[in-house]
PDB file of N, CA and C in Angstrom:
ATOM      1  N   MET A   1       0.948  -1.157   0.068  1.00  0.00           N
ATOM      2  CA  MET A   1      -0.059   0.090   0.117  1.00  0.00           C
ATOM      3  C   MET A   1       0.823   1.106   0.286  1.00  0.00           C
ATOM      4  N   LEU A   2       0.526   2.160  -0.850  1.00  0.00           N
ATOM      5  CA  LEU A   2       1.134   3.487  -0.942  1.00  0.00           C
ATOM      6  C   LEU A   2       0.474   4.385  -0.259  1.00  0.00           C
ATOM      7  N   VAL A   3       1.104   5.221   0.857  1.00  0.00           N
ATOM      8  CA  VAL A   3       0.368   6.051   1.637  1.00  0.00           C
ATOM      9  C   VAL A   3       1.100   7.394   1.109  1.00  0.00           C
ATOM     10  N   ASN A   4       0.241   8.570   0.762  1.00  0.00           N
ATOM     11  CA  ASN A   4       0.945   9.712   0.312  1.00  0.00           C
ATOM     12  C   ASN A   4       0.233  10.788   1.304  1.00  0.00           C
ATOM     13  N   LEU A   5       0.960  11.385   2.134  1.00  0.00           N
ATOM     14  CA  LEU A   5       0.574  12.706   3.109  1.00  0.00           C
ATOM     15  C   LEU A   5       1.063  13.816   2.481  1.00  0.00           C
ATOM     16  N   THR A   6       0.224  14.737   1.976  1.00  0.00           N
ATOM     17  CA  THR A   6       0.913  16.019   1.461  1.00  0.00           C
ATOM     18  C   THR A   6      -0.104  17.141   1.641  1.00  0.00           C
ATOM     19  N   ASN A   7       0.650  18.375   1.435  1.00  0.00           N
ATOM     20  CA  ASN A   7      -0.366  19.682   1.884  1.00  0.00           C
ATOM     21  C   ASN A   7      -0.159  20.573   0.658  1.00  0.00           C
ATOM     22  N   ASP A   8      -0.927  20.499  -0.274  1.00  0.00           N
ATOM     23  CA  ASP A   8      -0.906  21.226  -1.521  1.00  0.00           C
ATOM     24  C   ASP A   8      -1.299  22.635  -1.511  1.00  0.00           C
ATOM     25  N   ALA A   9      -1.201  23.321  -0.321  1.00  0.00           N
ATOM     26  CA  ALA A   9      -1.781  24.695  -0.229  1.00  0.00           C
ATOM     27  C   ALA A   9      -0.950  25.590  -1.048  1.00  0.00           C
ATOM     28  N   TRP A  10       0.358  25.417  -1.275  1.00  0.00           N
ATOM     29  CA  TRP A  10       0.890  26.316  -1.971  1.00  0.00           C
ATOM     30  C   TRP A  10       0.870  26.241  -3.636  1.00  0.00           C
ATOM     31  N   PHE A  11       0.080  25.245  -4.008  1.00  0.00           N
ATOM     32  CA  PHE A  11      -0.735  25.324  -5.364  1.00  0.00           C
ATOM     33  C   PHE A  11      -1.810  26.273  -5.506  1.00  0.00           C
ATOM     34  N   GLY A  12      -2.359  26.530  -4.379  1.00  0.00           N
ATOM     35  CA  GLY A  12      -3.618  27.268  -4.291  1.00  0.00           C
ATOM     36  C   GLY A  12      -4.785  26.735  -5.161  1.00  0.00           C
ATOM     37  N   LEU A  13      -5.692  27.386  -5.783  1.00  0.00           N
ATOM     38  CA  LEU A  13      -6.640  26.793  -6.388  1.00  0.00           C
ATOM     39  C   LEU A  13      -6.507  26.844  -7.944  1.00  0.00           C
ATOM     40  N   SER A  14      -5.451  26.053  -8.292  1.00  0.00           N
ATOM     41  CA  SER A  14      -4.850  25.967  -9.701  1.00  0.00           C
ATOM     42  C   SER A  14      -4.949  24.645 -10.038  1.00  0.00           C
ATOM     43  N   ILE A  15      -4.450  24.277 -11.070  1.00  0.00           N
ATOM     44  CA  ILE A  15      -4.318  23.082 -11.701  1.00  0.00           C
ATOM     45  C   ILE A  15      -3.279  21.886 -10.985  1.00  0.00           C
ATOM     46  N   GLY A  16      -2.547  22.701 -10.138  1.00  0.00           N
ATOM     47  CA  GLY A  16      -1.552  21.879  -9.482  1.00  0.00           C
ATOM     48  C   GLY A  16      -2.071  20.745  -8.824  1.00  0.00           C
ATOM     49  N   PRO A  17      -3.007  20.923  -7.771  1.00  0.00           N
ATOM     50  CA  PRO A  17      -3.257  19.759  -7.062  1.00  0.00           C
ATOM     51  C   PRO A  17      -3.787  18.607  -7.776  1.00  0.00           C
ATOM     52  N   TYR A  18      -4.394  18.943  -9.017  1.00  0.00           N
ATOM     53  CA  TYR A  18      -5.102  17.877  -9.880  1.00  0.00           C
ATOM     54  C   TYR A  18      -3.834  17.024 -10.566  1.00  0.00           C
ATOM     55  N   GLN A  19      -2.706  17.888 -10.816  1.00  0.00           N
ATOM     56  CA  GLN A  19      -1.664  17.120 -11.446  1.00  0.00           C
ATOM     57  C   GLN A  19      -1.067  16.376 -10.447  1.00  0.00           C
ATOM     58  N   HIS A  20      -0.857  16.866  -9.187  1.00  0.00           N
ATOM     59  CA  HIS A  20      -0.231  16.283  -8.011  1.00  0.00           C
ATOM     60  C   HIS A  20      -0.976  14.882  -7.750  1.00  0.00           C
ATOM     61  N   PHE A  21      -2.171  15.096  -7.954  1.00  0.00           N
ATOM     62  CA  PHE A  21      -2.951  13.801  -7.511  1.00  0.00           C
ATOM     63  C   PHE A  21      -2.839  12.771  -8.879  1.00  0.00           C
ATOM     64  N   ALA A  22      -2.884  13.144  -9.901  1.00  0.00           N
ATOM     65  CA  ALA A  22      -2.560  12.364 -11.191  1.00  0.00           C
ATOM     66  C   ALA A  22      -1.023  11.762 -10.996  1.00  0.00           C
ATOM     67  N   GLN A  23      -0.151  12.361 -10.540  1.00  0.00           N
ATOM     68  CA  GLN A  23       1.084  11.653 -10.473  1.00  0.00           C
ATOM     69  C   GLN A  23       0.999  10.699  -9.486  1.00  0.00           C
ATOM     70  N   SER A  24       0.567  10.821  -8.240  1.00  0.00           N
ATOM     71  CA  SER A  24       0.315  10.008  -7.222  1.00  0.00           C
ATOM     72  C   SER A  24      -0.682   8.557  -7.646  1.00  0.00           C
ATOM     73  N   ARG A  25      -1.514   8.816  -8.443  1.00  0.00           N
ATOM     74  CA  ARG A  25      -2.225   7.741  -9.188  1.00  0.00           C
ATOM     75  C   ARG A  25      -1.467   6.861  -9.846  1.00  0.00           C
ATOM     76  N   MET A  26      -0.458   7.584 -10.683  1.00  0.00           N
ATOM     77  CA  MET A  26       0.302   6.857 -11.491  1.00  0.00           C
ATOM     78  C   MET A  26       1.380   5.940 -10.797  1.00  0.00           C
ATOM     79  N   ARG A  27       1.782   6.620  -9.834  1.00  0.00           N
ATOM     80  CA  ARG A  27       2.643   5.733  -9.000  1.00  0.00           C
ATOM     81  C   ARG A  27       1.979   4.254  -8.466  1.00  0.00           C
ATOM     82  N   ALA A  28       1.108   4.541  -8.205  1.00  0.00           N
ATOM     83  CA  ALA A  28       0.061   3.222  -7.804  1.00  0.00           C
ATOM     84  C   ALA A  28      -0.110   2.549  -8.968  1.00  0.00           C
ATOM     85  N   VAL A  29      -0.469   2.757 -10.219  1.00  0.00           N
ATOM     86  CA  VAL A  29      -0.595   1.975 -11.282  1.00  0.00           C
ATOM     87  C   VAL A  29       0.756   1.324 -11.566  1.00  0.00           C
ATOM     88  N   GLU A  30       2.009   2.128 -11.452  1.00  0.00           N
ATOM     89  CA  GLU A  30       3.325   1.614 -11.804  1.00  0.00           C
ATOM     90  C   GLU A  30       3.677   0.450 -11.101  1.00  0.00           C
ATOM     91  N   GLU A  31       3.297   0.519  -9.803  1.00  0.00           N
ATOM     92  CA  GLU A  31       3.583  -0.710  -8.868  1.00  0.00           C
ATOM     93  C   GLU A  31       2.741  -1.558  -8.411  1.00  0.00           C
ATOM     94  N   GLY A  32       1.428  -1.252  -8.944  1.00  0.00           N
ATOM     95  CA  GLY A  32       0.420  -2.209  -8.780  1.00  0.00           C
ATOM     96  C   GLY A  32      -0.242  -2.488  -7.472  1.00  0.00           C
ATOM     97  N   ILE A  33      -0.065  -1.340  -6.652  1.00  0.00           N
ATOM     98  CA  ILE A  33      -0.364  -1.253  -5.297  1.00  0.00           C
ATOM     99  C   ILE A  33      -1.358  -0.147  -4.976  1.00  0.00           C
ATOM    100  N   PRO A  34      -2.428  -0.289  -4.262  1.00  0.00           N
ATOM    101  CA  PRO A  34      -3.402   0.807  -3.852  1.00  0.00           C
ATOM    102  C   PRO A  34      -2.635   1.946  -3.219  1.00  0.00           C
ATOM    103  N   LEU A  35      -3.374   3.029  -3.462  1.00  0.00           N
ATOM    104  CA  LEU A  35      -2.854   4.417  -2.857  1.00  0.00           C
ATOM    105  C   LEU A  35      -3.913   5.033  -1.870  1.00  0.00           C
ATOM    106  N   ILE A  36      -3.433   5.274  -0.696  1.00  0.00           N
ATOM    107  CA  ILE A  36      -4.296   6.196   0.319  1.00  0.00           C
ATOM    108  C   ILE A  36      -3.557   7.517   0.267  1.00  0.00           C
ATOM    109  N   ARG A  37      -4.508   8.466   0.030  1.00  0.00           N
ATOM    110  CA  ARG A  37      -3.754   9.763  -0.159  1.00  0.00           C
ATOM    111  C   ARG A  37      -4.610  10.715   0.696  1.00  0.00           C
ATOM    112  N   SER A  38      -3.877  11.369   1.615  1.00  0.00           N
ATOM    113  CA  SER A  38      -4.362  12.454   2.627  1.00  0.00           C
ATOM    114  C   SER A  38      -3.616  13.773   2.288  1.00  0.00           C
ATOM    115  N   ALA A  39      -4.453  14.786   1.955  1.00  0.00           N
ATOM    116  CA  ALA A  39      -4.143  16.047   1.312  1.00  0.00           C
ATOM    117  C   ALA A  39      -4.577  17.097   2.328  1.00  0.00           C
ATOM    118  N   GLY A  40      -3.851  17.802   3.175  1.00  0.00           N
ATOM    119  CA  GLY A  40      -4.689  18.697   4.077  1.00  0.00           C
ATOM    120  C   GLY A  40      -5.324  19.697   3.361  1.00  0.00           C
ATOM    121  N   THR A  41      -4.984  20.353   2.294  1.00  0.00           N
ATOM    122  CA  THR A  41      -5.652  21.269   1.429  1.00  0.00           C
ATOM    123  C   THR A  41      -5.956  21.040  -0.086  1.00  0.00           C
ATOM    124  N   GLY A  42      -5.496  19.650  -0.406  1.00  0.00           N
ATOM    125  CA  GLY A  42      -5.683  19.255  -1.718  1.00  0.00           C
ATOM    126  C   GLY A  42      -6.873  18.250  -2.000  1.00  0.00           C
ATOM    127  N   ILE A  43      -6.467  17.331  -2.670  1.00  0.00           N
ATOM    128  CA  ILE A  43      -7.461  16.087  -3.359  1.00  0.00           C
ATOM    129  C   ILE A  43      -7.097  14.943  -2.351  1.00  0.00           C
ATOM    130  N   SER A  44      -7.870  14.347  -1.410  1.00  0.00           N
ATOM    131  CA  SER A  44      -7.727  13.365  -0.449  1.00  0.00           C
ATOM    132  C   SER A  44      -8.369  12.130  -1.223  1.00  0.00           C
ATOM    133  N   ALA A  45      -7.804  10.820  -1.412  1.00  0.00           N
ATOM    134  CA  ALA A  45      -8.728   9.813  -1.969  1.00  0.00           C
ATOM    135  C   ALA A  45      -8.085   8.448  -1.812  1.00  0.00           C
ATOM    136  N   VAL A  46      -8.757   7.630  -2.066  1.00  0.00           N
ATOM    137  CA  VAL A  46      -8.283   5.981  -1.959  1.00  0.00           C
ATOM    138  C   VAL A  46      -8.623   5.758  -3.299  1.00  0.00           C
ATOM    139  N   VAL A  47      -7.331   4.978  -4.061  1.00  0.00           N
ATOM    140  CA  VAL A  47      -7.046   4.613  -5.408  1.00  0.00           C
ATOM    141  C   VAL A  47      -6.871   3.063  -5.335  1.00  0.00           C
ATOM    142  N   ASP A  48      -7.524   2.383  -6.408  1.00  0.00           N
ATOM    143  CA  ASP A  48      -7.059   0.891  -6.137  1.00  0.00           C
ATOM    144  C   ASP A  48      -5.789   0.815  -6.995  1.00  0.00           C
ATOM    145  N   SER A  49      -5.258  -0.548  -7.103  1.00  0.00           N
ATOM    146  CA  SER A  49      -4.074  -0.838  -7.739  1.00  0.00           C
ATOM    147  C   SER A  49      -4.059  -0.617  -9.374  1.00  0.00           C
ATOM    148  N   VAL A  50      -5.193  -0.405  -9.852  1.00  0.00           N
ATOM    149  CA  VAL A  50      -5.181  -0.030 -11.526  1.00  0.00           C
ATOM    150  C   VAL A  50      -5.502   1.349 -11.674  1.00  0.00           C
ATOM    151  N   GLY A  51      -5.603   2.212 -10.582  1.00  0.00           N
ATOM    152  CA  GLY A  51      -5.741   3.829 -10.780  1.00  0.00           C
ATOM    153  C   GLY A  51      -6.976   4.243 -10.807  1.00  0.00           C
ATOM    154  N   ARG A  52      -7.962   3.314 -10.543  1.00  0.00           N
ATOM    155  CA  ARG A  52      -9.442   3.872 -10.139  1.00  0.00           C
ATOM    156  C   ARG A  52      -9.742   4.299  -8.956  1.00  0.00           C
ATOM    157  N   VAL A  53     -10.404   5.472  -8.815  1.00  0.00           N
ATOM    158  CA  VAL A  53     -10.721   6.299  -7.611  1.00  0.00           C
ATOM    159  C   VAL A  53     -11.929   5.495  -7.137  1.00  0.00           C
ATOM    160  N   VAL A  54     -11.511   4.964  -5.852  1.00  0.00           N
ATOM    161  CA  VAL A  54     -12.672   4.393  -5.002  1.00  0.00           C
ATOM    162  C   VAL A  54     -13.570   5.606  -4.257  1.00  0.00           C
ATOM    163  N   THR A  55     -12.781   6.271  -3.715  1.00  0.00           N
ATOM    164  CA  THR A  55     -13.598   7.520  -3.195  1.00  0.00           C
ATOM    165  C   THR A  55     -12.704   8.734  -3.037  1.00  0.00           C
ATOM    166  N   GLN A  56     -13.166   9.832  -2.888  1.00  0.00           N
ATOM    167  CA  GLN A  56     -12.078  11.094  -2.875  1.00  0.00           C
ATOM    168  C   GLN A  56     -13.057  12.143  -2.204  1.00  0.00           C
ATOM    169  N   ILE A  57     -12.103  13.369  -1.653  1.00  0.00           N
ATOM    170  CA  ILE A  57     -12.765  14.312  -1.238  1.00  0.00           C
ATOM    171  C   ILE A  57     -12.093  15.432  -2.188  1.00  0.00           C
ATOM    172  N   ALA A  58     -12.922  16.403  -2.789  1.00  0.00           N
ATOM    173  CA  ALA A  58     -12.487  17.281  -3.594  1.00  0.00           C
ATOM    174  C   ALA A  58     -11.572  18.321  -3.114  1.00  0.00           C
ATOM    175  N   LEU A  59     -10.955  19.096  -4.218  1.00  0.00           N
ATOM    176  CA  LEU A  59     -10.205  20.079  -3.894  1.00  0.00           C
ATOM    177  C   LEU A  59     -10.896  21.404  -3.081  1.00  0.00           C
ATOM    178  N   GLY A  60     -10.480  21.659  -2.030  1.00  0.00           N
ATOM    179  CA  GLY A  60     -11.315  22.842  -1.308  1.00  0.00           C
ATOM    180  C   GLY A  60     -12.409  22.285  -0.463  1.00  0.00           C
ATOM    181  N   SER A  61     -12.680  21.039  -0.154  1.00  0.00           N
ATOM    182  CA  SER A  61     -13.721  20.408   0.506  1.00  0.00           C
ATOM    183  C   SER A  61     -13.220  19.772   1.806  1.00  0.00           C
ATOM    184  N   ARG A  62     -14.129  19.824   2.824  1.00  0.00           N
ATOM    185  CA  ARG A  62     -13.697  19.148   4.086  1.00  0.00           C
ATOM    186  C   ARG A  62     -14.247  17.927   4.029  1.00  0.00           C
ATOM    187  N   GLY A  63     -13.738  16.675   4.666  1.00  0.00           N
ATOM    188  CA  GLY A  63     -14.562  15.682   4.797  1.00  0.00           C
ATOM    189  C   GLY A  63     -13.899  14.584   5.442  1.00  0.00           C
ATOM    190  N   VAL A  64     -14.442  13.432   5.526  1.00  0.00           N
ATOM    191  CA  VAL A  64     -13.726  12.079   5.963  1.00  0.00           C
ATOM    192  C   VAL A  64     -13.966  11.041   4.968  1.00  0.00           C
ATOM    193  N   VAL A  65     -13.104  10.121   4.801  1.00  0.00           N
ATOM    194  CA  VAL A  65     -13.312   9.109   4.074  1.00  0.00           C
ATOM    195  C   VAL A  65     -13.093   7.978   4.846  1.00  0.00           C
ATOM    196  N   ASP A  66     -14.185   6.919   4.658  1.00  0.00           N
ATOM    197  CA  ASP A  66     -14.250   5.748   5.610  1.00  0.00           C
ATOM    198  C   ASP A  66     -14.446   4.681   4.258  1.00  0.00           C
ATOM    199  N   SER A  67     -13.257   4.008   4.030  1.00  0.00           N
ATOM    200  CA  SER A  67     -13.187   2.910   2.977  1.00  0.00           C
ATOM    201  C   SER A  67     -12.135   2.058   3.300  1.00  0.00           C
ATOM    202  N   GLY A  68     -12.420   0.726   2.743  1.00  0.00           N
ATOM    203  CA  GLY A  68     -11.387  -0.292   2.972  1.00  0.00           C
ATOM    204  C   GLY A  68     -10.214  -0.122   2.266  1.00  0.00           C
ATOM    205  N   VAL A  69      -9.174  -0.875   2.368  1.00  0.00           N
ATOM    206  CA  VAL A  69      -7.937  -0.706   1.424  1.00  0.00           C
ATOM    207  C   VAL A  69      -8.130  -1.811   0.309  1.00  0.00           C
ATOM    208  N   PRO A  70      -8.137  -1.060  -0.891  1.00  0.00           N
ATOM    209  CA  PRO A  70      -8.195  -2.011  -2.002  1.00  0.00           C
ATOM    210  C   PRO A  70      -7.025  -3.031  -1.987  1.00  0.00           C
ATOM    211  N   VAL A  71      -7.109  -4.133  -2.696  1.00  0.00           N
ATOM    212  CA  VAL A  71      -6.091  -5.154  -2.670  1.00  0.00           C
ATOM    213  C   VAL A  71      -4.969  -4.848  -3.741  1.00  0.00           C
ATOM    214  N   ALA A  72      -3.785  -5.239  -3.571  1.00  0.00           N
ATOM    215  CA  ALA A  72      -2.782  -5.036  -4.550  1.00  0.00           C
ATOM    216  C   ALA A  72      -2.950  -6.063  -5.747  1.00  0.00           C
ATOM    217  N   LEU A  73      -2.449  -5.888  -6.804  1.00  0.00           N
ATOM    218  CA  LEU A  73      -2.407  -6.673  -7.874  1.00  0.00           C
ATOM    219  C   LEU A  73      -1.566  -8.211  -7.413  1.00  0.00           C
ATOM    220  N   PRO A  74      -2.107  -9.298  -7.914  1.00  0.00           N
ATOM    221  CA  PRO A  74      -1.543 -10.648  -7.522  1.00  0.00           C
ATOM    222  C   PRO A  74       0.015 -10.581  -8.141  1.00  0.00           C
ATOM    223  N   ARG A  75       0.170 -10.036  -9.199  1.00  0.00           N
ATOM    224  CA  ARG A  75       1.727 -10.059  -9.905  1.00  0.00           C
ATOM    225  C   ARG A  75       1.725  -8.733 -10.061  1.00  0.00           C
ATOM    226  N   PRO A  76       2.948  -8.189  -9.660  1.00  0.00           N
ATOM    227  CA  PRO A  76       3.264  -6.581 -10.076  1.00  0.00           C
ATOM    228  C   PRO A  76       3.465  -6.525 -11.479  1.00  0.00           C
ATOM    229  N   PRO A  77       3.166  -5.213 -12.051  1.00  0.00           N
ATOM    230  CA  PRO A  77       3.276  -4.868 -13.281  1.00  0.00           C
ATOM    231  C   PRO A  77       4.586  -4.957 -14.003  1.00  0.00           C
ATOM    232  N   LEU A  78       4.829  -4.885 -15.322  1.00  0.00           N
ATOM    233  CA  LEU A  78       6.030  -4.789 -15.761  1.00  0.00           C
ATOM    234  C   LEU A  78       7.084  -3.980 -15.087  1.00  0.00           C
ATOM    235  N   TYR A  79       6.616  -2.719 -15.138  1.00  0.00           N
ATOM    236  CA  TYR A  79       7.527  -1.718 -14.550  1.00  0.00           C
ATOM    237  C   TYR A  79       8.014  -1.872 -13.152  1.00  0.00           C
ATOM    238  N   ALA A  80       7.144  -2.415 -12.381  1.00  0.00           N
ATOM    239  CA  ALA A  80       7.496  -2.674 -10.952  1.00  0.00           C
ATOM    240  C   ALA A  80       8.615  -3.863 -10.804  1.00  0.00           C
ATOM    241  N   ARG A  81       8.451  -4.963 -11.765  1.00  0.00           N
ATOM    242  CA  ARG A  81       9.575  -5.631 -11.750  1.00  0.00           C
ATOM    243  C   ARG A  81      10.817  -5.414 -12.462  1.00  0.00           C
ATOM    244  N   ILE A  82      10.809  -4.703 -13.553  1.00  0.00           N
ATOM    245  CA  ILE A  82      11.974  -4.225 -14.227  1.00  0.00           C
ATOM    246  C   ILE A  82      12.559  -3.048 -13.788  1.00  0.00           C
ATOM    247  N   GLY A  83      11.465  -2.043 -13.829  1.00  0.00           N
ATOM    248  CA  GLY A  83      12.022  -0.706 -13.429  1.00  0.00           C
ATOM    249  C   GLY A  83      12.705   0.114 -14.453  1.00  0.00           C
ATOM    250  N   ASP A  84      13.423   0.945 -13.867  1.00  0.00           N
ATOM    251  CA  ASP A  84      14.381   1.930 -14.668  1.00  0.00           C
ATOM    252  C   ASP A  84      15.393   1.128 -15.575  1.00  0.00           C
ATOM    253  N   SER A  85      15.795  -0.085 -15.185  1.00  0.00           N
ATOM    254  CA  SER A  85      16.849  -0.782 -15.769  1.00  0.00           C
ATOM    255  C   SER A  85      16.476  -0.964 -17.222  1.00  0.00           C
ATOM    256  N   LEU A  86      15.380  -1.526 -17.782  1.00  0.00           N
ATOM    257  CA  LEU A  86      15.053  -1.524 -19.115  1.00  0.00           C
ATOM    258  C   LEU A  86      15.250  -0.406 -19.895  1.00  0.00           C
ATOM    259  N   LEU A  87      14.807   0.735 -19.247  1.00  0.00           N
ATOM    260  CA  LEU A  87      15.158   2.226 -19.892  1.00  0.00           C
ATOM    261  C   LEU A  87      16.475   2.530 -20.110  1.00  0.00           C
ATOM    262  N   ALA A  88      17.388   2.055 -18.992  1.00  0.00           N
ATOM    263  CA  ALA A  88      18.998   2.254 -19.261  1.00  0.00           C
ATOM    264  C   ALA A  88      19.497   1.561 -20.246  1.00  0.00           C
ATOM    265  N   VAL A  89      18.896  -0.011 -20.421  1.00  0.00           N
ATOM    266  CA  VAL A  89      19.117  -0.742 -21.490  1.00  0.00           C
ATOM    267  C   VAL A  89      19.046   0.122 -22.954  1.00  0.00           C
ATOM    268  N   PHE A  90      17.659   0.412 -23.042  1.00  0.00           N
ATOM    269  CA  PHE A  90      17.433   1.073 -24.493  1.00  0.00           C
ATOM    270  C   PHE A  90      18.279   2.365 -24.719  1.00  0.00           C
ATOM    271  N   VAL A  91      18.365   3.234 -23.587  1.00  0.00           N
ATOM    272  CA  VAL A  91      19.391   4.245 -23.776  1.00  0.00           C
ATOM    273  C   VAL A  91      20.913   3.727 -24.232  1.00  0.00           C
ATOM    274  N   GLY A  92      21.261   2.871 -23.549  1.00  0.00           N
ATOM    275  CA  GLY A  92      22.517   2.305 -24.121  1.00  0.00           C
ATOM    276  C   GLY A  92      22.760   1.777 -25.444  1.00  0.00           C
ATOM    277  N   ILE A  93      21.680   1.034 -25.790  1.00  0.00           N
ATOM    278  CA  ILE A  93      21.529   0.693 -27.286  1.00  0.00           C
ATOM    279  C   ILE A  93      21.471   1.892 -28.169  1.00  0.00           C
ATOM    280  N   GLY A  94      20.599   2.669 -27.788  1.00  0.00           N
ATOM    281  CA  GLY A  94      20.547   3.797 -28.633  1.00  0.00           C
ATOM    282  C   GLY A  94      21.634   4.725 -28.739  1.00  0.00           C
ATOM    283  N   ALA A  95      22.512   5.043 -27.866  1.00  0.00           N
ATOM    284  CA  ALA A  95      23.789   5.512 -27.577  1.00  0.00           C
ATOM    285  C   ALA A  95      24.888   4.814 -28.500  1.00  0.00           C
ATOM    286  N   ALA A  96      24.611   3.592 -28.324  1.00  0.00           N
ATOM    287  CA  ALA A  96      25.573   2.829 -29.306  1.00  0.00           C
ATOM    288  C   ALA A  96      25.475   2.799 -30.638  1.00  0.00           C
ATOM    289  N   LEU A  97      24.181   2.836 -31.161  1.00  0.00           N
ATOM    290  CA  LEU A  97      23.850   3.016 -32.615  1.00  0.00           C
ATOM    291  C   LEU A  97      24.274   4.454 -33.063  1.00  0.00           C
ATOM    292  N   ILE A  98      24.108   5.342 -32.420  1.00  0.00           N
ATOM    293  CA  ILE A  98      24.423   6.762 -32.747  1.00  0.00           C
ATOM    294  C   ILE A  98      25.874   6.809 -32.824  1.00  0.00           C
ATOM    295  N   ILE A  99      26.813   6.269 -32.039  1.00  0.00           N
ATOM    296  CA  ILE A  99      28.153   6.286 -31.947  1.00  0.00           C
ATOM    297  C   ILE A  99      28.683   5.598 -33.220  1.00  0.00           C
ATOM    298  N   ARG A 100      28.020   4.405 -33.437  1.00  0.00           N
ATOM    299  CA  ARG A 100      28.359   3.636 -34.504  1.00  0.00           C
ATOM    300  C   ARG A 100      28.016   4.170 -36.022  1.00  0.00           C
ATOM    301  N   ARG A 101      27.004   4.887 -36.037  1.00  0.00           N
ATOM    302  CA  ARG A 101      26.690   5.559 -37.244  1.00  0.00           C
ATOM    303  C   ARG A 101      27.372   6.871 -37.434  1.00  0.00           C
ATOM    304  N   ARG A 102      27.893   7.468 -36.296  1.00  0.00           N
ATOM    305  CA  ARG A 102      28.674   8.654 -36.477  1.00  0.00           C
ATOM    306  C   ARG A 102      30.150   8.261 -37.059  1.00  0.00           C
ATOM    307  N   LYS A 103      30.680   6.964 -36.499  1.00  0.00           N
ATOM    308  CA  LYS A 103      32.005   6.641 -36.941  1.00  0.00           C
ATOM    309  C   LYS A 103      32.001   6.073 -38.394  1.00  0.00           C
ATOM    310  N   THR A 104      30.867   5.497 -38.680  1.00  0.00           N
ATOM    311  CA  THR A 104      30.936   4.841 -40.287  1.00  0.00           C
ATOM    312  C   THR A 104      30.698   6.278 -41.055  1.00  0.00           C
ATOM    313  N   ARG A 105      30.000   7.363 -40.758  1.00  0.00           N
ATOM    314  CA  ARG A 105      29.823   8.308 -41.530  1.00  0.00           C
ATOM    315  C   ARG A 105      31.201   9.176 -41.463  1.00  0.00           C
ATOM    316  N   ASN A 106      31.895   9.117 -40.575  1.00  0.00           N
ATOM    317  CA  ASN A 106      33.091   9.937 -40.597  1.00  0.00           C
ATOM    318  C   ASN A 106      34.148   9.113 -41.436  1.00  0.00           C
ATOM    319  N   ALA A 107      34.138   7.834 -41.377  1.00  0.00           N
ATOM    320  CA  ALA A 107      35.031   6.766 -42.003  1.00  0.00           C
ATOM    321  C   ALA A 107      34.871   7.099 -43.490  1.00  0.00           C
ATOM    322  N   GLY A 108      33.592   7.230 -44.030  1.00  0.00           N
ATOM    323  CA  GLY A 108      33.467   7.499 -45.547  1.00  0.00           C
ATOM    324  C   GLY A 108      33.906   9.000 -45.987  1.00  0.00           C
ATOM    325  N   ASP A 109      33.750  10.000 -45.006  1.00  0.00           N
ATOM    326  CA  ASP A 109      34.419  11.402 -45.217  1.00  0.00           C
ATOM    327  C   ASP A 109      35.826  11.229 -45.582  1.00  0.00           C
ATOM    328  N   ALA A 110      36.544  10.294 -44.673  1.00  0.00           N
ATOM    329  CA  ALA A 110      38.003  10.497 -44.791  1.00  0.00           C
ATOM    330  C   ALA A 110      38.548   9.924 -46.188  1.00  0.00           C
ATOM    331  N   VAL A 111      37.714   9.302 -46.889  1.00  0.00           N
ATOM    332  CA  VAL A 111      38.239   8.447 -47.995  1.00  0.00           C
ATOM    333  C   VAL A 111      38.239   9.527 -49.192  1.00  0.00           C
TER     334      VAL A 111
END
């Protein structure tokens, strides 16, 4: 379970609290675990492991959420299992291909 305690007061009544909430939901989806979010002045909510909002208190509202904790996914998603290491592999392959292409292009110019 992911617990997110935050105070979005510095965002004010802007798009900021909505974006902050969306980012928290995305972390729950990436890891395949539920999210319990308590925001002193933002959006408080319970979100399940696939990103669906079970219950929420809107921005600028006061209230209490009484909800059970959703269950995590039985098997973690691909990102939770592999993480950023797969991204590093793709970046490494891309860099190697760019370097190789530049070397072959420069070798052709030398002739």
